[in-house]
Amino acid sequence: MRKTVIVQDSPPSVRLVQVGTEQAGQRIDNFLLRLCKGVPKSHIYKAIRSGEVRVNKGRTSADYRVEEGDTVRIPPIRLPRADEPRPVPPASFPVIYEDDAMLVINKPAGVAVHGGSGVSFGVIEQLRAARPQAPFLELAHRLDRETSGLLIIAKKRKALVALHDMMREGGGRKHYQALVVGDWVNDRQHIRLPLLKWLTAAGERRVRVDAQGKAAHTIITMQKRYGRYSLVGAELRTGRTHQIRVHLASSGHPIVGDDKYGSDEVRAHFARLGLERMFLHAGRLELPHPLSGEPLRLEAPLPPACLKILDYLEQHS
């Protein structure tokens, strides 16, 4: 297996880095962020736009995907000294499954999966900090910051590509649980509403049902009624941003605690009861192993805060 080779390394001078097997296929911005730990993303993008970063002596763009054998010119960018504290605090998360190809963790609510959009670091950066010996750790998919549950991290590029292909083609199943406002009527309901991303005046990302959007398909199943609230299961057949949240809200049943598509009054009510998060949990994954094809069924139980709320509703509904 070919490894990344630093042809020249005398910071803060120019570095020439040769792309290895495990790095091939990465976007150039992510490739640089891994090599230039601690350097702000804005510095990386500025260096790419200005032409200071070059691939095989030519200018490049942030979305270019490096290939094995490429020579990448990295301009003088300040790197943290060896004696400086790590800019990202290492962290471990409950491991549901792990082998040489992939890692599946139970992500807590309130933790972003990656840095960006006002968040300096997330799960993937903390895992890399906690496992500095790991040659390859990449997110196979995303979870919203306030969603808890199963998150897949690829440990080999071959596994990452296979997982991306699998999810794009609808292979595997992702099952969630959500507590929603209102009495959900149907035992099983298919929601097929196209979703379109847009930005608010403040620059925040939102999603709405729109005929110009991308096709989206969610299957909702009734699990238990609690008077004015319902516990439902949600199976993703597509993986659009905020898909479950927007599909449920557009059906008149927003998720309890949802700060983007739900009610402020409901969120405040449940916060007083101790639920200071959105009640959406990725509880089950069913998929073939990305390399061996072995069928996997992985589960993560509802977090204690969610179980406590269900107990409360059971007693007061």
C-alpha atoms as a PDB file:
ATOM      1  CA  MET A   1       0.000   0.000   0.000  1.00  0.00           C
ATOM      2  CA  ARG A   2       1.371   3.349  -1.000  1.00  0.00           C
ATOM      3  CA  LYS A   3       1.636   5.907   1.808  1.00  0.00           C
ATOM      4  CA  THR A   4       1.721   9.682   1.739  1.00  0.00           C
ATOM      5  CA  VAL A   5       5.312  10.842   1.349  1.00  0.00           C
ATOM      6  CA  ILE A   6       6.523  14.275   2.393  1.00  0.00           C
ATOM      7  CA  VAL A   7       9.132  15.116  -0.202  1.00  0.00           C
ATOM      8  CA  GLN A   8      10.152  18.338   1.468  1.00  0.00           C
ATOM      9  CA  ASP A   9       9.317  19.418   5.002  1.00  0.00           C
ATOM     10  CA  SER A  10      10.935  22.465   6.542  1.00  0.00           C
ATOM     11  CA  PRO A  11       8.162  24.601   8.071  1.00  0.00           C
ATOM     12  CA  PRO A  12       7.382  27.368   7.533  1.00  0.00           C
ATOM     13  CA  SER A  13       8.747  26.743   4.044  1.00  0.00           C
ATOM     14  CA  VAL A  14       6.861  25.274   1.116  1.00  0.00           C
ATOM     15  CA  ARG A  15       6.117  21.553   1.435  1.00  0.00           C
ATOM     16  CA  LEU A  16       5.658  19.084  -1.406  1.00  0.00           C
ATOM     17  CA  VAL A  17       3.528  16.105  -0.409  1.00  0.00           C
ATOM     18  CA  GLN A  18       2.894  13.040  -2.532  1.00  0.00           C
ATOM     19  CA  VAL A  19      -0.587  11.496  -2.235  1.00  0.00           C
ATOM     20  CA  GLY A  20      -0.724   7.868  -1.094  1.00  0.00           C
ATOM     21  CA  THR A  21      -3.302   5.107  -1.539  1.00  0.00           C
ATOM     22  CA  GLU A  22      -5.376   5.884   1.551  1.00  0.00           C
ATOM     23  CA  GLN A  23      -5.597   9.578   0.665  1.00  0.00           C
ATOM     24  CA  ALA A  24      -6.636   9.082  -2.964  1.00  0.00           C
ATOM     25  CA  GLY A  25     -10.183  10.267  -3.619  1.00  0.00           C
ATOM     26  CA  GLN A  26     -10.272  12.885  -0.859  1.00  0.00           C
ATOM     27  CA  ARG A  27     -11.183  16.461  -1.689  1.00  0.00           C
ATOM     28  CA  ILE A  28      -8.090  18.659  -1.650  1.00  0.00           C
ATOM     29  CA  ASP A  29      -9.511  20.846   1.157  1.00  0.00           C
ATOM     30  CA  ASN A  30     -10.049  17.822   3.431  1.00  0.00           C
ATOM     31  CA  PHE A  31      -6.626  16.450   2.463  1.00  0.00           C
ATOM     32  CA  LEU A  32      -4.990  19.734   3.534  1.00  0.00           C
ATOM     33  CA  LEU A  33      -6.998  20.017   6.744  1.00  0.00           C
ATOM     34  CA  ARG A  34      -5.735  16.595   7.797  1.00  0.00           C
ATOM     35  CA  LEU A  35      -2.114  17.542   7.094  1.00  0.00           C
ATOM     36  CA  CYS A  36      -2.305  21.075   8.505  1.00  0.00           C
ATOM     37  CA  LYS A  37      -3.840  20.260  11.879  1.00  0.00           C
ATOM     38  CA  GLY A  38      -4.898  23.359  13.808  1.00  0.00           C
ATOM     39  CA  VAL A  39      -4.865  25.678  10.800  1.00  0.00           C
ATOM     40  CA  PRO A  40      -8.230  27.478  10.369  1.00  0.00           C
ATOM     41  CA  LYS A  41     -10.306  26.371   7.405  1.00  0.00           C
ATOM     42  CA  SER A  42     -10.441  29.953   6.142  1.00  0.00           C
ATOM     43  CA  HIS A  43      -6.634  29.929   5.741  1.00  0.00           C
ATOM     44  CA  ILE A  44      -6.792  26.694   3.774  1.00  0.00           C
ATOM     45  CA  TYR A  45      -9.464  27.981   1.386  1.00  0.00           C
ATOM     46  CA  LYS A  46      -7.668  31.305   0.924  1.00  0.00           C
ATOM     47  CA  ALA A  47      -4.469  29.454  -0.020  1.00  0.00           C
ATOM     48  CA  ILE A  48      -6.386  27.342  -2.557  1.00  0.00           C
ATOM     49  CA  ARG A  49      -8.196  30.328  -4.105  1.00  0.00           C
ATOM     50  CA  SER A  50      -5.006  32.374  -4.387  1.00  0.00           C
ATOM     51  CA  GLY A  51      -3.229  29.583  -6.254  1.00  0.00           C
ATOM     52  CA  GLU A  52      -0.655  29.021  -3.496  1.00  0.00           C
ATOM     53  CA  VAL A  53      -1.823  25.411  -3.243  1.00  0.00           C
ATOM     54  CA  ARG A  54      -0.939  23.537  -6.425  1.00  0.00           C
ATOM     55  CA  VAL A  55      -1.382  19.973  -7.641  1.00  0.00           C
ATOM     56  CA  ASN A  56       1.251  18.661 -10.048  1.00  0.00           C
ATOM     57  CA  LYS A  57       2.429  22.308 -10.477  1.00  0.00           C
ATOM     58  CA  GLY A  58      -1.024  23.502 -11.561  1.00  0.00           C
ATOM     59  CA  ARG A  59      -3.709  25.551  -9.820  1.00  0.00           C
ATOM     60  CA  THR A  60      -6.596  23.653  -8.281  1.00  0.00           C
ATOM     61  CA  SER A  61     -10.012  24.176  -6.688  1.00  0.00           C
ATOM     62  CA  ALA A  62     -11.375  23.170  -3.283  1.00  0.00           C
ATOM     63  CA  ASP A  63     -13.518  20.381  -4.762  1.00  0.00           C
ATOM     64  CA  TYR A  64     -10.672  18.673  -6.638  1.00  0.00           C
ATOM     65  CA  ARG A  65     -10.196  15.060  -5.508  1.00  0.00           C
ATOM     66  CA  VAL A  66      -6.563  14.059  -5.168  1.00  0.00           C
ATOM     67  CA  GLU A  67      -5.254  10.972  -6.937  1.00  0.00           C
ATOM     68  CA  GLU A  68      -2.563   8.543  -5.883  1.00  0.00           C
ATOM     69  CA  GLY A  69       0.814   9.896  -6.972  1.00  0.00           C
ATOM     70  CA  ASP A  70      -0.302  13.552  -7.124  1.00  0.00           C
ATOM     71  CA  THR A  71       2.271  16.016  -5.812  1.00  0.00           C
ATOM     72  CA  VAL A  72       0.613  18.707  -3.719  1.00  0.00           C
ATOM     73  CA  ARG A  73       2.370  22.004  -3.047  1.00  0.00           C
ATOM     74  CA  ILE A  74       1.498  23.311   0.422  1.00  0.00           C
ATOM     75  CA  PRO A  75       2.499  26.962   0.995  1.00  0.00           C
ATOM     76  CA  PRO A  76       3.911  28.232   4.286  1.00  0.00           C
ATOM     77  CA  ILE A  77       0.941  27.923   6.654  1.00  0.00           C
ATOM     78  CA  ARG A  78       1.513  28.243  10.357  1.00  0.00           C
ATOM     79  CA  LEU A  79       1.293  24.833  12.039  1.00  0.00           C
ATOM     80  CA  PRO A  80       1.083  24.305  15.793  1.00  0.00           C
ATOM     81  CA  ARG A  81       4.389  23.568  17.474  1.00  0.00           C
ATOM     82  CA  ALA A  82       4.948  20.074  18.816  1.00  0.00           C
ATOM     83  CA  ASP A  83       4.780  21.389  22.407  1.00  0.00           C
ATOM     84  CA  GLU A  84       1.481  23.242  21.863  1.00  0.00           C
ATOM     85  CA  PRO A  85      -1.720  21.685  23.262  1.00  0.00           C
ATOM     86  CA  ARG A  86      -3.973  19.952  20.774  1.00  0.00           C
ATOM     87  CA  PRO A  87      -6.514  22.409  19.340  1.00  0.00           C
ATOM     88  CA  VAL A  88      -9.116  19.613  19.351  1.00  0.00           C
ATOM     89  CA  PRO A  89      -9.735  17.771  22.610  1.00  0.00           C
ATOM     90  CA  PRO A  90      -9.645  14.020  22.044  1.00  0.00           C
ATOM     91  CA  ALA A  91     -12.814  12.169  22.990  1.00  0.00           C
ATOM     92  CA  SER A  92     -14.137   8.647  22.942  1.00  0.00           C
ATOM     93  CA  PHE A  93     -17.735   7.675  22.239  1.00  0.00           C
ATOM     94  CA  PRO A  94     -19.669   4.483  23.003  1.00  0.00           C
ATOM     95  CA  VAL A  95     -18.591   1.912  20.406  1.00  0.00           C
ATOM     96  CA  ILE A  96     -21.398  -0.249  18.996  1.00  0.00           C
ATOM     97  CA  TYR A  97     -19.301  -2.062  16.389  1.00  0.00           C
ATOM     98  CA  GLU A  98     -15.694  -1.962  15.204  1.00  0.00           C
ATOM     99  CA  ASP A  99     -13.408  -3.931  12.910  1.00  0.00           C
ATOM    100  CA  ASP A 100     -10.555  -3.097  10.518  1.00  0.00           C
ATOM    101  CA  ALA A 101     -12.899  -1.464   7.999  1.00  0.00           C
ATOM    102  CA  MET A 102     -15.378   0.575  10.021  1.00  0.00           C
ATOM    103  CA  LEU A 103     -16.340   2.002  13.394  1.00  0.00           C
ATOM    104  CA  VAL A 104     -19.929   2.581  14.533  1.00  0.00           C
ATOM    105  CA  ILE A 105     -20.496   4.788  17.563  1.00  0.00           C
ATOM    106  CA  ASN A 106     -23.502   5.985  19.544  1.00  0.00           C
ATOM    107  CA  LYS A 107     -23.289   9.769  19.110  1.00  0.00           C
ATOM    108  CA  PRO A 108     -24.785  11.867  21.908  1.00  0.00           C
ATOM    109  CA  ALA A 109     -27.149  14.737  21.136  1.00  0.00           C
ATOM    110  CA  GLY A 110     -25.596  18.202  21.113  1.00  0.00           C
ATOM    111  CA  VAL A 111     -22.356  17.119  19.426  1.00  0.00           C
ATOM    112  CA  ALA A 112     -21.723  18.035  15.789  1.00  0.00           C
ATOM    113  CA  VAL A 113     -20.339  15.294  13.552  1.00  0.00           C
ATOM    114  CA  HIS A 114     -17.707  17.673  12.116  1.00  0.00           C
ATOM    115  CA  GLY A 115     -16.416  21.227  12.490  1.00  0.00           C
ATOM    116  CA  GLY A 116     -17.848  24.142  10.530  1.00  0.00           C
ATOM    117  CA  SER A 117     -20.839  26.526  10.631  1.00  0.00           C
ATOM    118  CA  GLY A 118     -19.702  28.085  13.888  1.00  0.00           C
ATOM    119  CA  VAL A 119     -18.474  24.785  15.390  1.00  0.00           C
ATOM    120  CA  SER A 120     -14.703  24.504  15.695  1.00  0.00           C
ATOM    121  CA  PHE A 121     -14.668  20.700  15.882  1.00  0.00           C
ATOM    122  CA  GLY A 122     -16.949  17.700  15.974  1.00  0.00           C
ATOM    123  CA  VAL A 123     -16.993  13.938  16.425  1.00  0.00           C
ATOM    124  CA  ILE A 124     -14.641  13.145  13.554  1.00  0.00           C
ATOM    125  CA  GLU A 125     -11.993  15.647  14.669  1.00  0.00           C
ATOM    126  CA  GLN A 126     -12.196  14.398  18.258  1.00  0.00           C
ATOM    127  CA  LEU A 127     -11.874  10.776  17.163  1.00  0.00           C
ATOM    128  CA  ARG A 128      -8.804  11.624  15.074  1.00  0.00           C
ATOM    129  CA  ALA A 129      -7.294  13.420  18.062  1.00  0.00           C
ATOM    130  CA  ALA A 130      -8.018  10.411  20.288  1.00  0.00           C
ATOM    131  CA  ARG A 131      -6.608   7.961  17.712  1.00  0.00           C
ATOM    132  CA  PRO A 132      -3.533   9.703  16.246  1.00  0.00           C
ATOM    133  CA  GLN A 133      -2.180   6.349  15.042  1.00  0.00           C
ATOM    134  CA  ALA A 134      -5.223   5.711  12.827  1.00  0.00           C
ATOM    135  CA  PRO A 135      -4.188   6.296   9.174  1.00  0.00           C
ATOM    136  CA  PHE A 136      -7.750   6.873   7.970  1.00  0.00           C
ATOM    137  CA  LEU A 137     -10.955   8.010   9.697  1.00  0.00           C
ATOM    138  CA  GLU A 138     -13.766   9.520   7.609  1.00  0.00           C
ATOM    139  CA  LEU A 139     -17.496  10.039   8.138  1.00  0.00           C
ATOM    140  CA  ALA A 140     -19.588   7.661   6.051  1.00  0.00           C
ATOM    141  CA  HIS A 141     -22.750   9.770   6.574  1.00  0.00           C
ATOM    142  CA  ARG A 142     -24.082  12.603   8.739  1.00  0.00           C
ATOM    143  CA  LEU A 143     -26.350  13.108  11.738  1.00  0.00           C
ATOM    144  CA  ASP A 144     -27.752  16.470  12.791  1.00  0.00           C
ATOM    145  CA  ARG A 145     -26.085  17.965  15.843  1.00  0.00           C
ATOM    146  CA  GLU A 146     -29.167  17.478  18.041  1.00  0.00           C
ATOM    147  CA  THR A 147     -29.824  13.929  16.804  1.00  0.00           C
ATOM    148  CA  SER A 148     -28.376  11.073  18.837  1.00  0.00           C
ATOM    149  CA  GLY A 149     -27.574   7.554  17.745  1.00  0.00           C
ATOM    150  CA  LEU A 150     -25.659   5.382  15.319  1.00  0.00           C
ATOM    151  CA  LEU A 151     -22.927   7.037  13.273  1.00  0.00           C
ATOM    152  CA  ILE A 152     -20.619   5.156  10.866  1.00  0.00           C
ATOM    153  CA  ILE A 153     -16.942   6.086  10.466  1.00  0.00           C
ATOM    154  CA  ALA A 154     -14.925   4.360   7.750  1.00  0.00           C
ATOM    155  CA  LYS A 155     -11.406   3.207   8.631  1.00  0.00           C
ATOM    156  CA  LYS A 156     -10.416   2.359   5.050  1.00  0.00           C
ATOM    157  CA  ARG A 157     -11.041   4.271   1.832  1.00  0.00           C
ATOM    158  CA  LYS A 158     -12.395   1.126   0.154  1.00  0.00           C
ATOM    159  CA  ALA A 159     -14.982   0.821   2.924  1.00  0.00           C
ATOM    160  CA  LEU A 160     -15.882   4.522   2.654  1.00  0.00           C
ATOM    161  CA  VAL A 161     -16.490   4.286  -1.091  1.00  0.00           C
ATOM    162  CA  ALA A 162     -18.587   1.131  -0.628  1.00  0.00           C
ATOM    163  CA  LEU A 163     -20.671   2.773   2.123  1.00  0.00           C
ATOM    164  CA  HIS A 164     -21.256   5.897   0.018  1.00  0.00           C
ATOM    165  CA  ASP A 165     -22.315   3.762  -2.940  1.00  0.00           C
ATOM    166  CA  MET A 166     -24.584   1.680  -0.734  1.00  0.00           C
ATOM    167  CA  MET A 167     -26.378   4.705   0.704  1.00  0.00           C
ATOM    168  CA  ARG A 168     -26.685   6.431  -2.653  1.00  0.00           C
ATOM    169  CA  GLU A 169     -28.279   3.317  -4.161  1.00  0.00           C
ATOM    170  CA  GLY A 170     -30.636   2.736  -1.231  1.00  0.00           C
ATOM    171  CA  GLY A 171     -28.827  -0.273   0.199  1.00  0.00           C
ATOM    172  CA  GLY A 172     -29.148  -0.780   3.930  1.00  0.00           C
ATOM    173  CA  ARG A 173     -31.792   0.701   6.217  1.00  0.00           C
ATOM    174  CA  LYS A 174     -31.587   3.524   8.778  1.00  0.00           C
ATOM    175  CA  HIS A 175     -34.297   3.517  11.447  1.00  0.00           C
ATOM    176  CA  TYR A 176     -35.019   6.412  13.823  1.00  0.00           C
ATOM    177  CA  GLN A 177     -37.392   7.084  16.704  1.00  0.00           C
ATOM    178  CA  ALA A 178     -39.042  10.462  17.189  1.00  0.00           C
ATOM    179  CA  LEU A 179     -41.514  11.931  19.641  1.00  0.00           C
ATOM    180  CA  VAL A 180     -43.893  14.183  17.712  1.00  0.00           C
ATOM    181  CA  VAL A 181     -46.616  16.645  18.581  1.00  0.00           C
ATOM    182  CA  GLY A 182     -50.142  15.375  17.976  1.00  0.00           C
ATOM    183  CA  ASP A 183     -51.911  12.048  17.542  1.00  0.00           C
ATOM    184  CA  TRP A 184     -50.324  10.222  14.609  1.00  0.00           C
ATOM    185  CA  VAL A 185     -53.183   8.398  12.874  1.00  0.00           C
ATOM    186  CA  ASN A 186     -51.805   5.808  10.434  1.00  0.00           C
ATOM    187  CA  ASP A 187     -49.984   2.683  11.561  1.00  0.00           C
ATOM    188  CA  ARG A 188     -47.691   2.984   8.534  1.00  0.00           C
ATOM    189  CA  GLN A 189     -47.401   5.926   6.169  1.00  0.00           C
ATOM    190  CA  HIS A 190     -45.106   6.742   3.248  1.00  0.00           C
ATOM    191  CA  ILE A 191     -44.135  10.422   2.976  1.00  0.00           C
ATOM    192  CA  ARG A 192     -42.836  11.388  -0.436  1.00  0.00           C
ATOM    193  CA  LEU A 193     -42.262  15.138  -0.500  1.00  0.00           C
ATOM    194  CA  PRO A 194     -39.415  16.837  -2.437  1.00  0.00           C
ATOM    195  CA  LEU A 195     -37.029  18.886  -0.279  1.00  0.00           C
ATOM    196  CA  LEU A 196     -35.147  22.070  -1.161  1.00  0.00           C
ATOM    197  CA  LYS A 197     -32.322  23.677   0.824  1.00  0.00           C
ATOM    198  CA  TRP A 198     -32.350  27.432   1.395  1.00  0.00           C
ATOM    199  CA  LEU A 199     -30.661  30.038   3.619  1.00  0.00           C
ATOM    200  CA  THR A 200     -32.329  32.437   6.026  1.00  0.00           C
ATOM    201  CA  ALA A 201     -31.437  36.143   6.088  1.00  0.00           C
ATOM    202  CA  ALA A 202     -29.068  35.301   8.955  1.00  0.00           C
ATOM    203  CA  GLY A 203     -27.296  32.710   6.802  1.00  0.00           C
ATOM    204  CA  GLU A 204     -28.731  29.653   8.586  1.00  0.00           C
ATOM    205  CA  ARG A 205     -29.411  26.536   6.557  1.00  0.00           C
ATOM    206  CA  ARG A 206     -33.040  25.441   6.262  1.00  0.00           C
ATOM    207  CA  VAL A 207     -34.997  22.911   4.220  1.00  0.00           C
ATOM    208  CA  ARG A 208     -38.556  23.160   2.939  1.00  0.00           C
ATOM    209  CA  VAL A 209     -40.970  21.089   0.887  1.00  0.00           C
ATOM    210  CA  ASP A 210     -40.724  22.428  -2.650  1.00  0.00           C
ATOM    211  CA  ALA A 211     -41.583  21.017  -6.065  1.00  0.00           C
ATOM    212  CA  GLN A 212     -38.147  22.195  -7.261  1.00  0.00           C
ATOM    213  CA  GLY A 213     -36.398  20.170  -4.560  1.00  0.00           C
ATOM    214  CA  LYS A 214     -34.882  16.688  -4.554  1.00  0.00           C
ATOM    215  CA  ALA A 215     -37.021  13.578  -4.173  1.00  0.00           C
ATOM    216  CA  ALA A 216     -37.256  12.384  -0.568  1.00  0.00           C
ATOM    217  CA  HIS A 217     -38.955   9.312   0.902  1.00  0.00           C
ATOM    218  CA  THR A 218     -39.581   8.540   4.586  1.00  0.00           C
ATOM    219  CA  ILE A 219     -41.663   5.685   6.034  1.00  0.00           C
ATOM    220  CA  ILE A 220     -43.355   6.543   9.344  1.00  0.00           C
ATOM    221  CA  THR A 221     -44.707   3.827  11.647  1.00  0.00           C
ATOM    222  CA  MET A 222     -46.842   4.361  14.725  1.00  0.00           C
ATOM    223  CA  GLN A 223     -45.236   3.025  17.927  1.00  0.00           C
ATOM    224  CA  LYS A 224     -47.135   4.472  20.901  1.00  0.00           C
ATOM    225  CA  ARG A 225     -49.600   7.259  21.674  1.00  0.00           C
ATOM    226  CA  TYR A 226     -49.233   9.555  24.687  1.00  0.00           C
ATOM    227  CA  GLY A 227     -52.312  11.749  24.507  1.00  0.00           C
ATOM    228  CA  ARG A 228     -51.187  14.914  22.710  1.00  0.00           C
ATOM    229  CA  TYR A 229     -47.911  13.289  21.613  1.00  0.00           C
ATOM    230  CA  SER A 230     -46.906  10.198  19.640  1.00  0.00           C
ATOM    231  CA  LEU A 231     -43.778   8.062  19.487  1.00  0.00           C
ATOM    232  CA  VAL A 232     -43.108   7.095  15.878  1.00  0.00           C
ATOM    233  CA  GLY A 233     -40.508   5.184  13.949  1.00  0.00           C
ATOM    234  CA  ALA A 234     -38.968   6.711  10.830  1.00  0.00           C
ATOM    235  CA  GLU A 235     -37.144   4.773   8.143  1.00  0.00           C
ATOM    236  CA  LEU A 236     -35.069   6.713   5.635  1.00  0.00           C
ATOM    237  CA  ARG A 237     -35.289   5.577   2.026  1.00  0.00           C
ATOM    238  CA  THR A 238     -33.362   8.665   0.901  1.00  0.00           C
ATOM    239  CA  GLY A 239     -30.860  10.719   2.884  1.00  0.00           C
ATOM    240  CA  ARG A 240     -31.713  14.400   2.420  1.00  0.00           C
ATOM    241  CA  THR A 241     -30.688  17.110   4.887  1.00  0.00           C
ATOM    242  CA  HIS A 242     -33.235  17.436   7.746  1.00  0.00           C
ATOM    243  CA  GLN A 243     -35.447  14.946   5.902  1.00  0.00           C
ATOM    244  CA  ILE A 244     -37.274  13.380   8.855  1.00  0.00           C
ATOM    245  CA  ARG A 245     -37.663  16.730  10.610  1.00  0.00           C
ATOM    246  CA  VAL A 246     -39.189  18.501   7.604  1.00  0.00           C
ATOM    247  CA  HIS A 247     -41.358  15.578   6.511  1.00  0.00           C
ATOM    248  CA  LEU A 248     -42.879  15.289   9.981  1.00  0.00           C
ATOM    249  CA  ALA A 249     -43.320  19.046  10.432  1.00  0.00           C
ATOM    250  CA  SER A 250     -44.911  19.352   6.981  1.00  0.00           C
ATOM    251  CA  SER A 251     -47.340  16.585   7.956  1.00  0.00           C
ATOM    252  CA  GLY A 252     -48.463  18.636  10.960  1.00  0.00           C
ATOM    253  CA  HIS A 253     -46.457  16.652  13.526  1.00  0.00           C
ATOM    254  CA  PRO A 254     -43.176  18.469  14.310  1.00  0.00           C
ATOM    255  CA  ILE A 255     -40.598  16.684  16.455  1.00  0.00           C
ATOM    256  CA  VAL A 256     -40.556  17.641  20.127  1.00  0.00           C
ATOM    257  CA  GLY A 257     -37.587  19.913  20.827  1.00  0.00           C
ATOM    258  CA  ASP A 258     -36.877  20.784  17.175  1.00  0.00           C
ATOM    259  CA  ASP A 259     -35.486  24.341  17.227  1.00  0.00           C
ATOM    260  CA  LYS A 260     -35.810  24.855  13.449  1.00  0.00           C
ATOM    261  CA  TYR A 261     -39.138  23.327  12.453  1.00  0.00           C
ATOM    262  CA  GLY A 262     -40.951  22.920  15.778  1.00  0.00           C
ATOM    263  CA  SER A 263     -42.805  25.042  18.311  1.00  0.00           C
ATOM    264  CA  ASP A 264     -40.946  27.260  20.788  1.00  0.00           C
ATOM    265  CA  GLU A 265     -43.713  26.670  23.342  1.00  0.00           C
ATOM    266  CA  VAL A 266     -43.416  22.887  23.081  1.00  0.00           C
ATOM    267  CA  ARG A 267     -39.633  23.059  23.296  1.00  0.00           C
ATOM    268  CA  ALA A 268     -39.817  25.257  26.402  1.00  0.00           C
ATOM    269  CA  HIS A 269     -42.376  22.931  28.012  1.00  0.00           C
ATOM    270  CA  PHE A 270     -40.189  19.858  27.561  1.00  0.00           C
ATOM    271  CA  ALA A 271     -37.071  21.755  28.647  1.00  0.00           C
ATOM    272  CA  ARG A 272     -38.821  22.377  31.962  1.00  0.00           C
ATOM    273  CA  LEU A 273     -39.393  18.617  32.166  1.00  0.00           C
ATOM    274  CA  GLY A 274     -35.666  18.006  31.648  1.00  0.00           C
ATOM    275  CA  LEU A 275     -35.507  17.344  27.891  1.00  0.00           C
ATOM    276  CA  GLU A 276     -33.140  19.984  26.545  1.00  0.00           C
ATOM    277  CA  ARG A 277     -32.667  18.391  23.130  1.00  0.00           C
ATOM    278  CA  MET A 278     -34.623  17.267  20.081  1.00  0.00           C
ATOM    279  CA  PHE A 279     -36.303  13.886  20.504  1.00  0.00           C
ATOM    280  CA  LEU A 280     -34.834  12.187  17.416  1.00  0.00           C
ATOM    281  CA  HIS A 281     -32.642   9.106  17.766  1.00  0.00           C
ATOM    282  CA  ALA A 282     -30.958   6.921  15.120  1.00  0.00           C
ATOM    283  CA  GLY A 283     -31.556   3.635  16.868  1.00  0.00           C
ATOM    284  CA  ARG A 284     -31.036   0.881  14.287  1.00  0.00           C
ATOM    285  CA  LEU A 285     -28.897   0.205  11.220  1.00  0.00           C
ATOM    286  CA  GLU A 286     -29.359  -2.759   8.908  1.00  0.00           C
ATOM    287  CA  LEU A 287     -26.731  -3.047   6.193  1.00  0.00           C
ATOM    288  CA  PRO A 288     -24.309  -5.452   4.575  1.00  0.00           C
ATOM    289  CA  HIS A 289     -20.718  -5.067   5.700  1.00  0.00           C
ATOM    290  CA  PRO A 290     -19.026  -2.756   3.138  1.00  0.00           C
ATOM    291  CA  LEU A 291     -16.199  -5.220   2.443  1.00  0.00           C
ATOM    292  CA  SER A 292     -17.359  -8.723   3.381  1.00  0.00           C
ATOM    293  CA  GLY A 293     -21.070  -8.335   2.581  1.00  0.00           C
ATOM    294  CA  GLU A 294     -21.990  -9.937   5.923  1.00  0.00           C
ATOM    295  CA  PRO A 295     -25.429  -8.684   7.070  1.00  0.00           C
ATOM    296  CA  LEU A 296     -25.189  -6.399  10.080  1.00  0.00           C
ATOM    297  CA  ARG A 297     -27.952  -5.278  12.450  1.00  0.00           C
ATOM    298  CA  LEU A 298     -26.704  -2.631  14.859  1.00  0.00           C
ATOM    299  CA  GLU A 299     -28.751  -1.011  17.623  1.00  0.00           C
ATOM    300  CA  ALA A 300     -28.382   1.840  20.112  1.00  0.00           C
ATOM    301  CA  PRO A 301     -31.022   2.212  22.864  1.00  0.00           C
ATOM    302  CA  LEU A 302     -32.889   5.443  23.483  1.00  0.00           C
ATOM    303  CA  PRO A 303     -30.846   7.787  25.723  1.00  0.00           C
ATOM    304  CA  PRO A 304     -31.886   8.106  29.392  1.00  0.00           C
ATOM    305  CA  ALA A 305     -33.248  11.647  28.891  1.00  0.00           C
ATOM    306  CA  CYS A 306     -35.650  10.363  26.222  1.00  0.00           C
ATOM    307  CA  LEU A 307     -36.710   7.349  28.289  1.00  0.00           C
ATOM    308  CA  LYS A 308     -37.376   9.627  31.254  1.00  0.00           C
ATOM    309  CA  ILE A 309     -39.724  11.767  29.135  1.00  0.00           C
ATOM    310  CA  LEU A 310     -41.589   8.701  27.882  1.00  0.00           C
ATOM    311  CA  ASP A 311     -42.037   7.518  31.480  1.00  0.00           C
ATOM    312  CA  TYR A 312     -43.399  10.961  32.395  1.00  0.00           C
ATOM    313  CA  LEU A 313     -45.835  10.950  29.467  1.00  0.00           C
ATOM    314  CA  GLU A 314     -46.942   7.404  30.342  1.00  0.00           C
ATOM    315  CA  GLN A 315     -47.918   8.624  33.793  1.00  0.00           C
ATOM    316  CA  HIS A 316     -49.538  11.911  32.714  1.00  0.00           C
ATOM    317  CA  SER A 317     -51.136  11.230  29.319  1.00  0.00           C
END
